Amino acid sequence: MLRRSPIAGVIAVVSLAGCAVGPNFHSPAAPKTTQYTRGDQPAATVDSPVSGGAAQTLVADRDIPSDWYSLFQSEPLDELIRQALRDSPTVEAAKAALRSAEASYLAERGALLLPKADGQLGVTRERSSGATFGGAGASASQFTLYNAAVNVSYRLDLFGASRRQLEQLRAQTDFQRWELEAANLTLTGNVVTTAFNVASLRDQLTAVNDVVVAETAQFKVVQRQFDVGGASKSDVLSQQAQLAQAQAVVPSLEKALAQAQHRLAVLAGKTPDDATVPDFVLDHFTLPTELPVTVPAKLVRQRPDVQAAEAQLHQATAAVGIATANLLPQLDLTGSIGSQSLTSGGLFGAGNGVWSVGGALTQPLFHGGELRYKRKAAVADLERADASYRQTVLAALQDVADTLRALETDARGLRAQVAAEKAAADAFDISKKQFRVGGISYVTVLNAQRLFLEARQSRVQAQAARYADSAALFQALGGGWWNRKDQEVARQ
């Protein structure tokens, strides 16, 4: 019976070591909703007879290519994005953060799960009196003590504190990996939408400059009419005000275009003055005619920001386990084996070996409430992480819902702007014909021309919105990182 008791003790210790206190993490359930918007979502958008006006079909559960930006069929844009992903400091910082998290995890894994062993070699010169050994009046002695030893220590993970710490570090690594994916996606989306913005501003600036030319010609005509008594002073001032208003738009558009070009260069990892950044034009892009729509249950597994929030929830869950384990006993095992000698030559001689084995069980008794309140804080952090995760999911659903509605309404908006431009163009053509036969004044012709050019500017803005909406949908759905082959893909 006595021989069985050590075995029973070992079994008990092993069974305790297999128990990790605290909540076990489980991925949150996917949203139960099956659609994004209120009411029926149209399966296709309307079309318009203009570049960028094609009808777009929403295809349920269509997969997204990792290079989704290539669907706009612009090689300069594709090359710029490749440069941005390669040279962007933001992406490089995210990669470095991931490498740091991975190295920290690997460092702690060995420190927490495996015994620590250290070699020690020392020499000590000592002097002791005879009284040290109970010999009153004995003469003092001096000697040199040489020692060599290997010391081993190990904290037995009785309640899973070490495993919870590793779990937390692994979740931190996952968080950084998803942050890298989010940085890639955000950078790609920003480059695409900024390129569309540059193209739109360039076309708008051309249209506004044409308006200024038309307003200038009209002002000259009115001024001549005033000189010969055919127009009043108020007519001249009114036309002058219209010209000034058109001229005032030009600097603001030039500023916006310059800032967009600077932003595009910096996104690509270049200085703002870099002249190699392409000058994009809307007509050089192709609008994708088929767009994917992922179901909400799959969206939360594809959005990097949602996955990053889940990793933070995992960290908070593990932190509760750590705080709980710190309230319970901790068992430290130590051991040492070595040799001691009064001479360096006899250090490893026979009969000089020494060893020791020990264990210490520590049970926190009174820490002024520190450990208990730290656990309460960890529980509160877990609740906060859970709320943050749910908010991230809601924001992701809103992103998709907003983009789907924008696709529909902006397509109808472009159709209306195209119709308005056509009507203004027809009115301008008719006015020119009427002027040639003397039916109207030249001022009327110039006014019709101004309305046509203003309608053209509005149409350009509506065109750019459709391209931007398509890019926003790919970004809102996660960007297709799971189909990437040429670099590491975040684990699902």
Protein backbone atom coordinates (compact mmCIF):
# COMPACT_ATOMS: atom_id res chain seq x y z
CA MET A 1 0.00 0.00 0.00
CA LEU A 2 2.84 2.38 0.71
CA ARG A 3 4.30 1.88 -2.76
CA ARG A 4 1.05 2.89 -4.37
CA SER A 5 0.77 6.24 -2.64
CA PRO A 6 3.53 8.01 -4.69
CA ILE A 7 1.94 6.71 -7.90
CA ALA A 8 -1.44 7.96 -6.78
CA GLY A 9 0.11 11.35 -6.00
CA VAL A 10 1.66 11.56 -9.46
CA ILE A 11 -1.68 10.69 -11.06
CA ALA A 12 -3.38 13.39 -9.03
CA VAL A 13 -0.80 15.99 -10.00
CA VAL A 14 -0.99 15.07 -13.68
CA SER A 15 -4.77 15.26 -13.63
CA LEU A 16 -4.60 18.70 -12.04
CA ALA A 17 -2.00 19.81 -14.56
CA GLY A 18 -4.41 18.95 -17.35
CA CYS A 19 -7.01 21.35 -15.98
CA ALA A 20 -6.92 24.96 -17.16
CA VAL A 21 -9.20 27.20 -15.14
CA GLY A 22 -11.15 30.05 -16.65
CA PRO A 23 -13.50 30.16 -19.64
CA ASN A 24 -12.57 28.32 -22.81
CA PHE A 25 -12.75 30.44 -25.94
CA HIS A 26 -15.21 29.66 -28.70
CA SER A 27 -15.68 31.71 -31.85
CA PRO A 28 -18.84 33.82 -31.56
CA ALA A 29 -21.87 32.66 -33.48
CA ALA A 30 -22.40 34.19 -36.91
CA PRO A 31 -25.21 36.75 -37.36
CA LYS A 32 -28.60 35.14 -37.85
CA THR A 33 -29.71 37.68 -40.44
CA THR A 34 -29.64 36.60 -44.07
CA GLN A 35 -29.65 40.01 -45.78
CA TYR A 36 -28.07 43.40 -45.34
CA THR A 37 -30.69 46.01 -46.23
CA ARG A 38 -34.30 46.70 -45.34
CA GLY A 39 -36.71 45.56 -48.02
CA ASP A 40 -35.76 43.82 -51.23
CA GLN A 41 -32.34 44.37 -52.67
CA PRO A 42 -32.47 44.65 -56.49
CA ALA A 43 -30.57 41.88 -58.27
CA ALA A 44 -29.17 44.35 -60.82
CA THR A 45 -28.65 48.06 -61.26
CA VAL A 46 -29.93 50.19 -64.10
CA ASP A 47 -27.61 51.06 -66.97
CA SER A 48 -26.70 54.31 -68.68
CA PRO A 49 -25.45 54.95 -72.23
CA VAL A 50 -22.05 56.25 -71.11
CA SER A 51 -18.63 54.93 -70.07
CA GLY A 52 -18.97 53.48 -66.57
CA GLY A 53 -22.72 53.18 -66.98
CA ALA A 54 -23.07 49.43 -67.51
CA ALA A 55 -25.70 47.54 -65.55
CA GLN A 56 -24.23 45.53 -62.68
CA THR A 57 -25.61 42.17 -61.53
CA LEU A 58 -25.30 41.15 -57.89
CA VAL A 59 -24.31 37.46 -57.74
CA ALA A 60 -25.08 35.72 -54.45
CA ASP A 61 -22.16 33.91 -52.79
CA ARG A 62 -19.77 34.67 -55.67
CA ASP A 63 -16.14 34.34 -54.56
CA ILE A 64 -13.85 37.38 -54.65
CA PRO A 65 -10.45 37.25 -56.39
CA SER A 66 -7.50 38.39 -54.30
CA ASP A 67 -6.60 40.91 -57.02
CA TRP A 68 -10.14 42.24 -57.26
CA TYR A 69 -8.81 45.63 -58.38
CA SER A 70 -7.76 44.02 -61.68
CA LEU A 71 -11.45 43.77 -62.61
CA PHE A 72 -11.31 47.49 -63.48
CA GLN A 73 -8.91 46.48 -66.29
CA SER A 74 -6.28 49.18 -65.78
CA GLU A 75 -2.70 47.96 -65.88
CA PRO A 76 -1.32 51.27 -64.53
CA LEU A 77 -3.64 50.89 -61.53
CA ASP A 78 -2.60 47.25 -61.02
CA GLU A 79 1.08 48.18 -61.11
CA LEU A 80 0.57 51.07 -58.70
CA ILE A 81 -1.14 48.77 -56.20
CA ARG A 82 1.67 46.24 -56.46
CA GLN A 83 4.15 49.01 -55.75
CA ALA A 84 2.08 50.23 -52.81
CA LEU A 85 1.88 46.77 -51.23
CA ARG A 86 5.63 46.39 -51.66
CA ASP A 87 6.80 49.85 -50.57
CA SER A 88 4.17 51.19 -48.15
CA PRO A 89 5.62 51.93 -44.66
CA THR A 90 2.20 51.18 -43.17
CA VAL A 91 2.24 47.62 -44.49
CA GLU A 92 5.89 47.17 -43.50
CA ALA A 93 5.07 48.30 -39.96
CA ALA A 94 2.22 45.76 -39.80
CA LYS A 95 4.58 43.02 -41.01
CA ALA A 96 7.13 43.96 -38.34
CA ALA A 97 4.44 43.90 -35.65
CA LEU A 98 3.47 40.40 -36.76
CA ARG A 99 7.08 39.21 -36.65
CA SER A 100 7.44 40.65 -33.15
CA ALA A 101 4.28 38.91 -31.93
CA GLU A 102 5.40 35.58 -33.42
CA ALA A 103 8.85 35.86 -31.82
CA SER A 104 7.30 36.75 -28.44
CA TYR A 105 5.04 33.72 -28.63
CA LEU A 106 7.92 31.37 -29.46
CA ALA A 107 10.06 32.86 -26.68
CA GLU A 108 7.38 32.44 -24.05
CA ARG A 109 6.37 28.98 -25.25
CA GLY A 110 9.74 27.55 -24.28
CA ALA A 111 9.93 29.56 -21.07
CA LEU A 112 6.48 28.54 -19.83
CA LEU A 113 6.16 24.91 -20.89
CA LEU A 114 9.71 23.56 -20.56
CA PRO A 115 12.05 23.36 -17.55
CA LYS A 116 14.72 26.01 -17.20
CA ALA A 117 18.30 24.74 -16.93
CA ASP A 118 21.32 26.93 -16.22
CA GLY A 119 24.96 25.99 -15.87
CA GLN A 120 26.96 27.61 -13.10
CA LEU A 121 30.71 27.72 -12.50
CA GLY A 122 32.03 29.64 -9.50
CA VAL A 123 34.90 30.12 -7.09
CA THR A 124 34.66 31.50 -3.55
CA ARG A 125 37.42 32.48 -1.12
CA GLU A 126 36.22 32.12 2.48
CA ARG A 127 37.52 32.62 6.00
CA SER A 128 35.68 31.17 8.97
CA SER A 129 36.36 31.11 12.69
CA GLY A 130 36.33 28.00 14.78
CA ALA A 131 33.24 29.27 16.57
CA THR A 132 31.33 28.74 13.38
CA PHE A 133 31.48 24.98 13.97
CA GLY A 134 31.11 25.13 17.76
CA GLY A 135 34.81 24.98 18.59
CA ALA A 136 35.45 27.75 21.08
CA GLY A 137 38.97 29.10 20.83
CA ALA A 138 39.74 27.16 17.69
CA SER A 139 41.83 28.92 15.09
CA ALA A 140 40.26 30.48 12.06
CA SER A 141 40.56 28.77 8.68
CA GLN A 142 40.80 30.06 5.16
CA PHE A 143 39.98 28.12 2.01
CA THR A 144 38.94 28.45 -1.59
CA LEU A 145 35.81 26.61 -2.73
CA TYR A 146 35.33 25.72 -6.38
CA ASN A 147 31.87 24.64 -7.57
CA ALA A 148 30.21 23.64 -10.82
CA ALA A 149 26.53 22.86 -11.07
CA VAL A 150 23.53 22.57 -13.33
CA ASN A 151 20.38 24.08 -11.84
CA VAL A 152 16.95 23.07 -13.10
CA SER A 153 13.63 24.70 -12.24
CA TYR A 154 10.12 24.08 -13.43
CA ARG A 155 6.73 25.50 -12.51
CA LEU A 156 4.16 22.76 -12.72
CA ASP A 157 1.16 24.15 -14.57
CA LEU A 158 -1.41 22.90 -12.06
CA PHE A 159 -4.29 25.11 -13.14
CA GLY A 160 -3.26 26.09 -16.63
CA ALA A 161 -1.82 29.56 -15.99
CA SER A 162 1.09 28.93 -18.36
CA ARG A 163 -1.17 27.48 -21.03
CA ARG A 164 -3.52 30.45 -20.76
CA GLN A 165 -0.57 32.83 -21.14
CA LEU A 166 0.49 31.00 -24.30
CA GLU A 167 -3.08 31.05 -25.52
CA GLN A 168 -3.14 34.80 -24.99
CA LEU A 169 0.13 35.27 -26.88
CA ARG A 170 -1.10 33.07 -29.72
CA ALA A 171 -4.23 35.21 -29.93
CA GLN A 172 -2.05 38.33 -29.99
CA THR A 173 -0.16 36.84 -32.94
CA ASP A 174 -3.46 36.16 -34.69
CA PHE A 175 -4.51 39.75 -34.02
CA GLN A 176 -1.35 41.10 -35.65
CA ARG A 177 -1.81 38.77 -38.60
CA TRP A 178 -5.33 40.10 -39.16
CA GLU A 179 -4.08 43.65 -38.69
CA LEU A 180 -1.66 42.99 -41.54
CA GLU A 181 -4.50 41.74 -43.72
CA ALA A 182 -6.54 44.80 -42.79
CA ALA A 183 -3.60 47.06 -43.68
CA ASN A 184 -3.27 45.37 -47.07
CA LEU A 185 -6.98 45.70 -47.78
CA THR A 186 -7.23 49.29 -46.57
CA LEU A 187 -4.19 50.33 -48.59
CA THR A 188 -5.50 48.64 -51.73
CA GLY A 189 -8.94 50.19 -51.34
CA ASN A 190 -7.47 53.64 -50.70
CA VAL A 191 -5.26 53.46 -53.79
CA VAL A 192 -8.20 52.40 -55.97
CA THR A 193 -10.64 55.02 -54.71
CA THR A 194 -8.00 57.76 -54.79
CA ALA A 195 -7.19 56.84 -58.40
CA PHE A 196 -10.88 57.19 -59.24
CA ASN A 197 -10.94 60.52 -57.41
CA VAL A 198 -7.93 61.78 -59.36
CA ALA A 199 -9.58 60.79 -62.64
CA SER A 200 -12.87 62.41 -61.64
CA LEU A 201 -11.25 65.66 -60.51
CA ARG A 202 -9.22 65.84 -63.71
CA ASP A 203 -12.35 65.46 -65.86
CA GLN A 204 -14.28 67.92 -63.67
CA LEU A 205 -11.49 70.46 -63.99
CA THR A 206 -11.63 70.16 -67.77
CA ALA A 207 -15.40 70.71 -67.70
CA VAL A 208 -15.14 73.73 -65.37
CA ASN A 209 -12.41 75.30 -67.47
CA ASP A 210 -14.73 74.95 -70.46
CA VAL A 211 -17.46 76.67 -68.41
CA VAL A 212 -15.07 79.52 -67.63
CA VAL A 213 -14.28 79.91 -71.33
CA ALA A 214 -18.00 80.00 -72.13
CA GLU A 215 -18.73 82.47 -69.32
CA THR A 216 -15.86 84.71 -70.45
CA ALA A 217 -17.20 84.77 -74.03
CA GLN A 218 -20.67 85.52 -72.76
CA PHE A 219 -19.37 88.35 -70.56
CA LYS A 220 -17.61 89.94 -73.53
CA VAL A 221 -20.81 89.83 -75.57
CA VAL A 222 -22.84 91.44 -72.79
CA GLN A 223 -20.16 94.07 -72.31
CA ARG A 224 -20.28 94.96 -76.01
CA GLN A 225 -24.07 95.12 -75.87
CA PHE A 226 -23.81 97.47 -72.91
CA ASP A 227 -21.34 99.65 -74.80
CA VAL A 228 -23.83 100.12 -77.65
CA GLY A 229 -26.83 100.48 -75.35
CA GLY A 230 -28.25 96.98 -75.91
CA ALA A 231 -27.82 95.82 -72.31
CA SER A 232 -28.12 97.37 -68.90
CA LYS A 233 -25.42 97.73 -66.29
CA SER A 234 -27.17 95.13 -64.15
CA ASP A 235 -26.87 92.64 -67.04
CA VAL A 236 -23.13 93.24 -67.16
CA LEU A 237 -22.73 92.85 -63.39
CA SER A 238 -24.87 89.73 -63.37
CA GLN A 239 -22.75 88.11 -66.08
CA GLN A 240 -19.56 89.23 -64.36
CA ALA A 241 -20.74 87.55 -61.15
CA GLN A 242 -21.45 84.29 -63.02
CA LEU A 243 -17.97 84.38 -64.54
CA ALA A 244 -16.37 85.03 -61.17
CA GLN A 245 -18.29 82.13 -59.62
CA ALA A 246 -17.09 79.77 -62.35
CA GLN A 247 -13.53 81.02 -61.98
CA ALA A 248 -13.69 80.50 -58.20
CA VAL A 249 -14.41 76.79 -58.68
CA VAL A 250 -11.17 76.22 -60.61
CA PRO A 251 -8.69 76.79 -57.72
CA SER A 252 -10.65 74.54 -55.38
CA LEU A 253 -10.67 71.75 -57.96
CA GLU A 254 -6.96 72.29 -58.68
CA LYS A 255 -6.21 72.06 -54.96
CA ALA A 256 -8.31 68.90 -54.56
CA LEU A 257 -6.62 67.32 -57.59
CA ALA A 258 -3.12 68.16 -56.32
CA GLN A 259 -3.93 66.78 -52.86
CA ALA A 260 -5.36 63.59 -54.37
CA GLN A 261 -2.22 63.15 -56.48
CA HIS A 262 -0.03 63.69 -53.42
CA ARG A 263 -2.09 61.19 -51.45
CA LEU A 264 -1.83 58.63 -54.24
CA ALA A 265 1.97 58.97 -54.32
CA VAL A 266 2.29 58.60 -50.54
CA LEU A 267 -0.01 55.58 -50.53
CA ALA A 268 2.36 53.98 -53.03
CA GLY A 269 5.30 54.64 -50.71
CA LYS A 270 6.63 57.55 -52.78
CA THR A 271 7.24 61.20 -52.03
CA PRO A 272 4.42 63.61 -53.04
CA ASP A 273 6.50 65.10 -55.87
CA ASP A 274 7.06 61.74 -57.58
CA ALA A 275 6.21 62.13 -61.26
CA THR A 276 5.90 58.40 -61.96
CA VAL A 277 2.41 58.19 -60.45
CA PRO A 278 0.00 57.73 -63.38
CA ASP A 279 -2.46 60.43 -64.43
CA PHE A 280 -5.69 58.46 -64.41
CA VAL A 281 -8.71 59.14 -66.62
CA LEU A 282 -12.17 57.69 -66.01
CA ASP A 283 -12.55 56.43 -69.55
CA HIS A 284 -9.52 54.16 -69.03
CA PHE A 285 -11.35 52.09 -66.41
CA THR A 286 -13.89 49.33 -67.01
CA LEU A 287 -16.84 48.91 -64.66
CA PRO A 288 -17.28 45.28 -63.48
CA THR A 289 -20.65 43.98 -64.63
CA GLU A 290 -20.90 41.21 -62.01
CA LEU A 291 -20.44 41.88 -58.31
CA PRO A 292 -20.32 39.33 -55.46
CA VAL A 293 -22.61 39.41 -52.44
CA THR A 294 -21.45 37.24 -49.53
CA VAL A 295 -24.01 36.08 -46.98
CA PRO A 296 -23.61 37.73 -43.53
CA ALA A 297 -22.64 34.43 -41.89
CA LYS A 298 -19.64 34.16 -44.19
CA LEU A 299 -18.81 37.86 -44.06
CA VAL A 300 -17.64 37.70 -40.42
CA ARG A 301 -15.09 35.01 -41.35
CA GLN A 302 -13.77 37.07 -44.28
CA ARG A 303 -13.51 40.60 -42.88
CA PRO A 304 -10.01 41.15 -41.40
CA ASP A 305 -11.28 43.73 -38.91
CA VAL A 306 -13.89 41.29 -37.57
CA GLN A 307 -11.27 38.56 -37.27
CA ALA A 308 -8.93 40.97 -35.48
CA ALA A 309 -11.73 41.83 -33.02
CA GLU A 310 -12.29 38.11 -32.47
CA ALA A 311 -8.58 37.65 -31.71
CA GLN A 312 -8.82 40.42 -29.11
CA LEU A 313 -11.83 38.65 -27.61
CA HIS A 314 -9.71 35.49 -27.45
CA GLN A 315 -6.94 37.39 -25.64
CA ALA A 316 -9.41 38.75 -23.10
CA THR A 317 -10.83 35.27 -22.51
CA ALA A 318 -7.38 33.85 -21.82
CA ALA A 319 -6.63 36.77 -19.47
CA VAL A 320 -9.55 35.71 -17.25
CA GLY A 321 -8.03 32.22 -17.03
CA ILE A 322 -4.64 33.69 -16.06
CA ALA A 323 -6.17 35.89 -13.37
CA THR A 324 -8.15 32.94 -12.02
CA ALA A 325 -5.10 30.65 -11.91
CA ASN A 326 -3.15 33.30 -9.98
CA LEU A 327 -5.63 32.88 -7.12
CA LEU A 328 -4.79 29.17 -6.80
CA PRO A 329 -1.73 27.25 -5.51
CA GLN A 330 1.47 27.21 -7.57
CA LEU A 331 3.99 24.39 -7.39
CA ASP A 332 7.65 25.08 -8.24
CA LEU A 333 10.11 22.20 -8.61
CA THR A 334 13.86 22.80 -8.39
CA GLY A 335 16.88 20.57 -8.73
CA SER A 336 20.64 20.92 -8.84
CA ILE A 337 23.53 18.60 -9.55
CA GLY A 338 27.19 19.51 -9.51
CA SER A 339 30.52 19.26 -7.80
CA GLN A 340 32.43 21.15 -5.12
CA SER A 341 36.14 21.05 -4.37
CA LEU A 342 38.84 22.96 -2.51
CA THR A 343 41.02 22.80 -5.61
CA SER A 344 40.22 23.52 -9.21
CA GLY A 345 41.90 20.29 -10.30
CA GLY A 346 39.72 18.17 -8.06
CA LEU A 347 36.47 19.85 -9.02
CA PHE A 348 35.28 16.84 -11.00
CA GLY A 349 37.00 14.20 -8.89
CA ALA A 350 35.32 11.28 -7.21
CA GLY A 351 33.42 12.00 -4.04
CA ASN A 352 32.91 15.73 -4.73
CA GLY A 353 29.45 15.47 -6.28
CA VAL A 354 26.55 17.35 -4.73
CA TRP A 355 22.88 17.46 -5.62
CA SER A 356 19.60 18.78 -4.33
CA VAL A 357 15.92 18.35 -5.16
CA GLY A 358 13.15 20.49 -3.81
CA GLY A 359 9.63 21.68 -4.31
CA ALA A 360 7.63 24.64 -3.05
CA LEU A 361 3.86 24.98 -3.00
CA THR A 362 2.68 28.58 -2.81
CA GLN A 363 -0.88 29.51 -1.96
CA PRO A 364 -1.74 33.23 -2.02
CA LEU A 365 -3.31 34.13 1.33
CA PHE A 366 -3.47 37.89 1.59
CA HIS A 367 -2.53 40.39 -1.13
CA GLY A 368 -4.80 43.23 -0.11
CA GLY A 369 -7.42 42.18 -2.64
CA GLU A 370 -4.97 42.60 -5.53
CA LEU A 371 -5.49 39.20 -7.16
CA ARG A 372 -9.25 39.21 -6.68
CA TYR A 373 -9.68 42.66 -8.21
CA LYS A 374 -7.34 41.83 -11.06
CA ARG A 375 -9.65 38.96 -11.92
CA LYS A 376 -12.65 41.31 -11.79
CA ALA A 377 -10.80 43.67 -14.11
CA ALA A 378 -10.06 40.78 -16.50
CA VAL A 379 -13.75 39.84 -16.53
CA ALA A 380 -14.70 43.45 -17.26
CA ASP A 381 -12.11 43.54 -20.08
CA LEU A 382 -13.67 40.38 -21.49
CA GLU A 383 -17.10 42.01 -21.47
CA ARG A 384 -15.64 45.06 -23.19
CA ALA A 385 -13.94 42.92 -25.84
CA ASP A 386 -17.21 41.09 -26.45
CA ALA A 387 -19.09 44.36 -26.91
CA SER A 388 -16.33 45.67 -29.19
CA TYR A 389 -16.54 42.51 -31.31
CA ARG A 390 -20.30 42.81 -31.67
CA GLN A 391 -19.95 46.48 -32.65
CA THR A 392 -17.33 45.57 -35.27
CA VAL A 393 -19.71 42.99 -36.74
CA LEU A 394 -22.53 45.53 -36.87
CA ALA A 395 -20.24 48.07 -38.55
CA ALA A 396 -19.22 45.44 -41.12
CA LEU A 397 -22.85 44.66 -41.92
CA GLN A 398 -23.55 48.39 -42.23
CA ASP A 399 -20.62 48.85 -44.63
CA VAL A 400 -22.04 46.24 -46.97
CA ALA A 401 -25.61 47.53 -46.61
CA ASP A 402 -24.57 51.12 -47.34
CA THR A 403 -22.54 50.05 -50.36
CA LEU A 404 -25.34 47.93 -51.81
CA ARG A 405 -27.75 50.85 -51.57
CA ALA A 406 -25.15 53.18 -53.04
CA LEU A 407 -24.70 50.86 -56.01
CA GLU A 408 -28.41 51.01 -56.72
CA THR A 409 -29.02 54.72 -56.14
CA ASP A 410 -25.82 55.97 -57.78
CA ALA A 411 -26.63 53.93 -60.88
CA ARG A 412 -30.00 55.67 -61.06
CA GLY A 413 -28.28 58.98 -60.32
CA LEU A 414 -25.88 58.50 -63.24
CA ARG A 415 -28.79 57.69 -65.56
CA ALA A 416 -30.49 60.93 -64.48
CA GLN A 417 -27.28 62.94 -64.95
CA VAL A 418 -26.75 61.46 -68.41
CA ALA A 419 -30.32 62.41 -69.33
CA ALA A 420 -29.76 65.92 -67.97
CA GLU A 421 -26.54 66.26 -69.95
CA LYS A 422 -28.24 65.04 -73.12
CA ALA A 423 -31.09 67.49 -72.65
CA ALA A 424 -28.64 70.33 -72.08
CA ALA A 425 -26.62 69.27 -75.15
CA ASP A 426 -29.77 69.18 -77.28
CA ALA A 427 -30.80 72.62 -76.01
CA PHE A 428 -27.32 73.93 -76.84
CA ASP A 429 -27.52 72.51 -80.39
CA ILE A 430 -30.97 73.99 -80.95
CA SER A 431 -29.89 77.38 -79.64
CA LYS A 432 -26.94 77.43 -82.08
CA LYS A 433 -29.28 76.68 -84.99
CA GLN A 434 -31.73 79.35 -83.84
CA PHE A 435 -28.90 81.87 -83.53
CA ARG A 436 -27.74 81.17 -87.11
CA VAL A 437 -31.18 82.13 -88.45
CA GLY A 438 -31.47 85.13 -86.14
CA GLY A 439 -34.08 83.65 -83.84
CA ILE A 440 -32.23 84.28 -80.56
CA SER A 441 -29.34 86.34 -79.24
CA TYR A 442 -25.81 85.07 -78.81
CA VAL A 443 -26.17 85.49 -75.06
CA THR A 444 -28.86 82.84 -75.08
CA VAL A 445 -26.53 80.48 -76.96
CA LEU A 446 -23.75 81.01 -74.44
CA ASN A 447 -26.14 80.44 -71.55
CA ALA A 448 -27.24 77.13 -73.09
CA GLN A 449 -23.59 76.18 -73.49
CA ARG A 450 -22.87 76.95 -69.84
CA LEU A 451 -25.76 74.77 -68.69
CA PHE A 452 -24.48 71.94 -70.88
CA LEU A 453 -20.95 72.15 -69.46
CA GLU A 454 -22.25 72.24 -65.88
CA ALA A 455 -24.35 69.14 -66.61
CA ARG A 456 -21.21 67.46 -67.97
CA GLN A 457 -19.36 68.14 -64.71
CA SER A 458 -22.20 66.60 -62.69
CA ARG A 459 -22.17 63.55 -64.97
CA VAL A 460 -18.44 63.05 -64.39
CA GLN A 461 -19.02 63.04 -60.62
CA ALA A 462 -21.80 60.48 -61.02
CA GLN A 463 -19.54 58.27 -63.16
CA ALA A 464 -16.77 58.30 -60.56
CA ALA A 465 -19.27 57.38 -57.85
CA ARG A 466 -20.14 54.14 -59.63
CA TYR A 467 -16.50 53.06 -59.83
CA ALA A 468 -15.96 53.99 -56.19
CA ASP A 469 -19.07 52.06 -55.12
CA SER A 470 -17.82 48.90 -56.85
CA ALA A 471 -14.44 49.18 -55.13
CA ALA A 472 -16.13 49.83 -51.79
CA LEU A 473 -18.16 46.63 -52.12
CA PHE A 474 -15.06 44.48 -52.74
CA GLN A 475 -13.42 46.10 -49.74
CA ALA A 476 -16.50 45.74 -47.52
CA LEU A 477 -16.69 42.02 -48.33
CA GLY A 478 -13.11 41.35 -47.21
CA GLY A 479 -11.09 41.75 -50.40
CA GLY A 480 -10.52 38.08 -51.27
CA TRP A 481 -7.33 37.63 -49.19
CA TRP A 482 -8.17 33.92 -48.82
CA ASN A 483 -7.50 33.39 -52.54
CA ARG A 484 -4.03 34.92 -52.47
CA LYS A 485 -1.28 32.51 -53.57
CA ASP A 486 1.92 34.53 -53.71
CA GLN A 487 2.28 35.37 -50.01
CA GLU A 488 1.26 34.13 -46.61
CA VAL A 489 -2.46 34.02 -46.04
CA ALA A 490 -3.99 34.55 -42.61
CA ARG A 491 -5.26 31.36 -41.05
CA GLN A 492 -9.02 30.92 -41.07
